[in-house]
Amino acid sequence: MKFMLLMFGSLLLATSAYSQGTILPSSKMVSAYSKGEIAHLTDAEIDYLNFYAEQGFTVHPEGKVTSDMPLLSSVLLNADQPINGSTLTTQNFNPLLYSFQPSAESLFFKVDGTQKVVQVFAKDRTDKLYERFKINRAKLERNNKK
């Protein structure tokens, strides 16, 4: 968890908390972090991690696997939740379960026993996607109030 907070710390300092009340952690956050860890997070941190858990990566079903590509199993798992590579999809993959290091480049990992590739987006790309997400969410909320 410390790595994830370091990764998002700079962005979170520069952005204000989502002000519509308390942000609830997603099911992916709840499965990756304890209640105590979540209780120490700000609304802005929870909002960003919720976003990251859904939009900070993609799973390519038939990725371009290279011989030097690290296996997903080589990344430290933060929880005791086995990953079934054959059923892994973008919808059910939880990047919060892994200790991915912040990176200026996208990271690629071969899913053990498959031709699937998990792509974890670079920090800058994730930050830009999150900023767009917040703008679009604010627009939608304004339109819903009309």
Protein backbone atom coordinates (compact mmCIF):
# COMPACT_ATOMS: atom_id res chain seq x y z
CA MET A 1 0.00 0.00 0.00
CA LYS A 2 2.87 2.37 0.75
CA PHE A 3 4.02 2.17 -2.87
CA MET A 4 0.54 3.02 -4.13
CA LEU A 5 0.25 6.01 -1.81
CA LEU A 6 3.67 7.28 -2.87
CA MET A 7 2.63 6.90 -6.50
CA PHE A 8 -0.47 8.98 -6.04
CA GLY A 9 0.80 11.40 -3.41
CA SER A 10 2.02 14.09 -5.77
CA LEU A 11 -1.24 14.15 -7.69
CA LEU A 12 -3.34 14.16 -4.56
CA LEU A 13 -1.49 17.11 -3.09
CA ALA A 14 -2.25 19.09 -6.22
CA THR A 15 -5.95 18.22 -6.37
CA SER A 16 -8.74 19.03 -3.99
CA ALA A 17 -10.93 16.38 -2.44
CA TYR A 18 -14.09 15.39 -4.23
CA SER A 19 -16.51 17.56 -2.31
CA GLN A 20 -19.82 15.74 -2.65
CA GLY A 21 -19.38 14.00 0.70
CA THR A 22 -17.60 10.90 1.82
CA ILE A 23 -16.25 8.79 -1.00
CA LEU A 24 -16.92 5.10 -0.52
CA PRO A 25 -14.18 2.62 -1.39
CA SER A 26 -14.90 0.33 -4.32
CA SER A 27 -15.13 -3.42 -3.90
CA LYS A 28 -11.61 -3.66 -5.37
CA MET A 29 -10.30 -1.33 -2.65
CA VAL A 30 -12.10 -3.29 0.06
CA SER A 31 -10.56 -6.55 -1.17
CA ALA A 32 -7.05 -5.04 -1.30
CA TYR A 33 -6.89 -2.95 1.90
CA SER A 34 -7.96 -3.42 5.49
CA LYS A 35 -10.65 -1.23 7.05
CA GLY A 36 -7.92 0.43 9.10
CA GLU A 37 -5.85 1.30 6.03
CA ILE A 38 -8.90 2.69 4.25
CA ALA A 39 -9.90 4.70 7.34
CA HIS A 40 -6.60 6.61 7.14
CA LEU A 41 -7.17 7.68 3.52
CA THR A 42 -8.65 11.00 2.50
CA ASP A 43 -11.65 11.20 0.17
CA ALA A 44 -9.27 12.34 -2.59
CA GLU A 45 -7.04 9.30 -2.09
CA ILE A 46 -10.01 6.92 -2.08
CA ASP A 47 -11.41 8.57 -5.21
CA TYR A 48 -8.09 8.26 -7.04
CA LEU A 49 -7.53 4.66 -5.97
CA ASN A 50 -11.10 3.76 -6.99
CA PHE A 51 -10.35 5.27 -10.40
CA TYR A 52 -6.97 3.54 -10.66
CA ALA A 53 -8.53 0.18 -9.79
CA GLU A 54 -10.85 0.51 -12.80
CA GLN A 55 -8.97 2.66 -15.33
CA GLY A 56 -5.22 2.57 -14.53
CA PHE A 57 -4.52 -0.54 -16.59
CA THR A 58 -5.82 -2.85 -19.28
CA VAL A 59 -5.67 -6.58 -19.92
CA HIS A 60 -4.86 -7.52 -23.49
CA PRO A 61 -6.46 -10.94 -24.20
CA GLU A 62 -3.88 -11.86 -26.83
CA GLY A 63 -1.00 -9.54 -26.04
CA LYS A 64 2.32 -9.35 -27.78
CA VAL A 65 4.39 -11.44 -25.36
CA THR A 66 8.15 -11.02 -25.49
CA SER A 67 10.76 -13.31 -23.95
CA ASP A 68 11.99 -10.58 -21.59
CA MET A 69 8.50 -9.66 -20.34
CA PRO A 70 8.18 -10.26 -16.59
CA LEU A 71 5.46 -12.57 -15.32
CA LEU A 72 2.59 -11.06 -13.37
CA SER A 73 3.38 -13.57 -10.63
CA SER A 74 6.79 -11.88 -10.18
CA VAL A 75 5.07 -8.79 -8.72
CA LEU A 76 4.56 -8.88 -4.95
CA LEU A 77 0.93 -9.61 -4.11
CA ASN A 78 -0.48 -7.47 -1.27
CA ALA A 79 -3.21 -9.96 -0.38
CA ASP A 80 -3.74 -13.68 -0.22
CA GLN A 81 -6.03 -13.83 -3.22
CA PRO A 82 -5.08 -16.31 -5.93
CA ILE A 83 -5.26 -15.02 -9.48
CA ASN A 84 -6.70 -17.32 -12.15
CA GLY A 85 -4.96 -16.25 -15.36
CA SER A 86 -7.39 -18.06 -17.64
CA THR A 87 -10.34 -16.01 -16.37
CA LEU A 88 -8.47 -12.72 -15.89
CA THR A 89 -10.08 -9.76 -17.68
CA THR A 90 -9.96 -5.98 -17.48
CA GLN A 91 -13.21 -6.12 -15.49
CA ASN A 92 -12.00 -8.50 -12.77
CA PHE A 93 -8.28 -7.64 -12.52
CA ASN A 94 -7.44 -5.69 -9.36
CA PRO A 95 -4.17 -3.74 -9.63
CA LEU A 96 -4.51 -2.70 -5.98
CA LEU A 97 -3.63 -6.27 -4.97
CA TYR A 98 -0.13 -5.82 -6.42
CA SER A 99 2.88 -3.75 -5.39
CA PHE A 100 3.39 -2.08 -8.75
CA GLN A 101 6.16 0.51 -8.64
CA PRO A 102 5.35 4.01 -9.95
CA SER A 103 6.76 4.34 -13.43
CA ALA A 104 7.25 6.97 -16.10
CA GLU A 105 6.55 4.24 -18.68
CA SER A 106 3.70 1.77 -18.96
CA LEU A 107 4.55 -1.59 -17.44
CA PHE A 108 3.75 -4.87 -19.18
CA PHE A 109 3.39 -8.27 -17.51
CA LYS A 110 2.67 -11.66 -19.05
CA VAL A 111 -0.13 -13.46 -17.23
CA ASP A 112 1.24 -16.83 -16.18
CA GLY A 113 0.08 -19.75 -18.33
CA THR A 114 -1.68 -17.56 -20.91
CA GLN A 115 -0.97 -15.22 -23.80
CA LYS A 116 -2.64 -12.36 -21.90
CA VAL A 117 -0.71 -9.22 -21.05
CA VAL A 118 -1.51 -6.80 -18.24
CA GLN A 119 -0.54 -3.23 -19.08
CA VAL A 120 -0.26 -0.89 -16.09
CA PHE A 121 -0.36 2.66 -17.38
CA ALA A 122 2.43 5.12 -16.66
CA LYS A 123 1.79 7.43 -13.72
CA ASP A 124 1.50 10.54 -15.93
CA ARG A 125 -1.03 8.82 -18.19
CA THR A 126 -3.09 7.65 -15.23
CA ASP A 127 -2.99 11.14 -13.71
CA LYS A 128 -4.20 12.70 -16.99
CA LEU A 129 -6.98 10.13 -17.34
CA TYR A 130 -8.04 10.84 -13.77
CA GLU A 131 -8.13 14.60 -14.36
CA ARG A 132 -10.34 14.07 -17.44
CA PHE A 133 -12.54 11.71 -15.44
CA LYS A 134 -13.05 14.36 -12.74
CA ILE A 135 -13.90 17.02 -15.34
CA ASN A 136 -16.41 14.72 -17.05
CA ARG A 137 -17.93 13.71 -13.71
CA ALA A 138 -18.34 17.37 -12.71
CA LYS A 139 -20.02 18.14 -16.06
CA LEU A 140 -22.37 15.21 -15.63
CA GLU A 141 -23.26 16.31 -12.10
CA ARG A 142 -23.96 19.87 -13.31
CA ASN A 143 -26.18 18.55 -16.10
CA ASN A 144 -28.05 16.31 -13.66
CA LYS A 145 -28.82 19.32 -11.45
CA LYS A 146 -30.48 21.18 -14.32
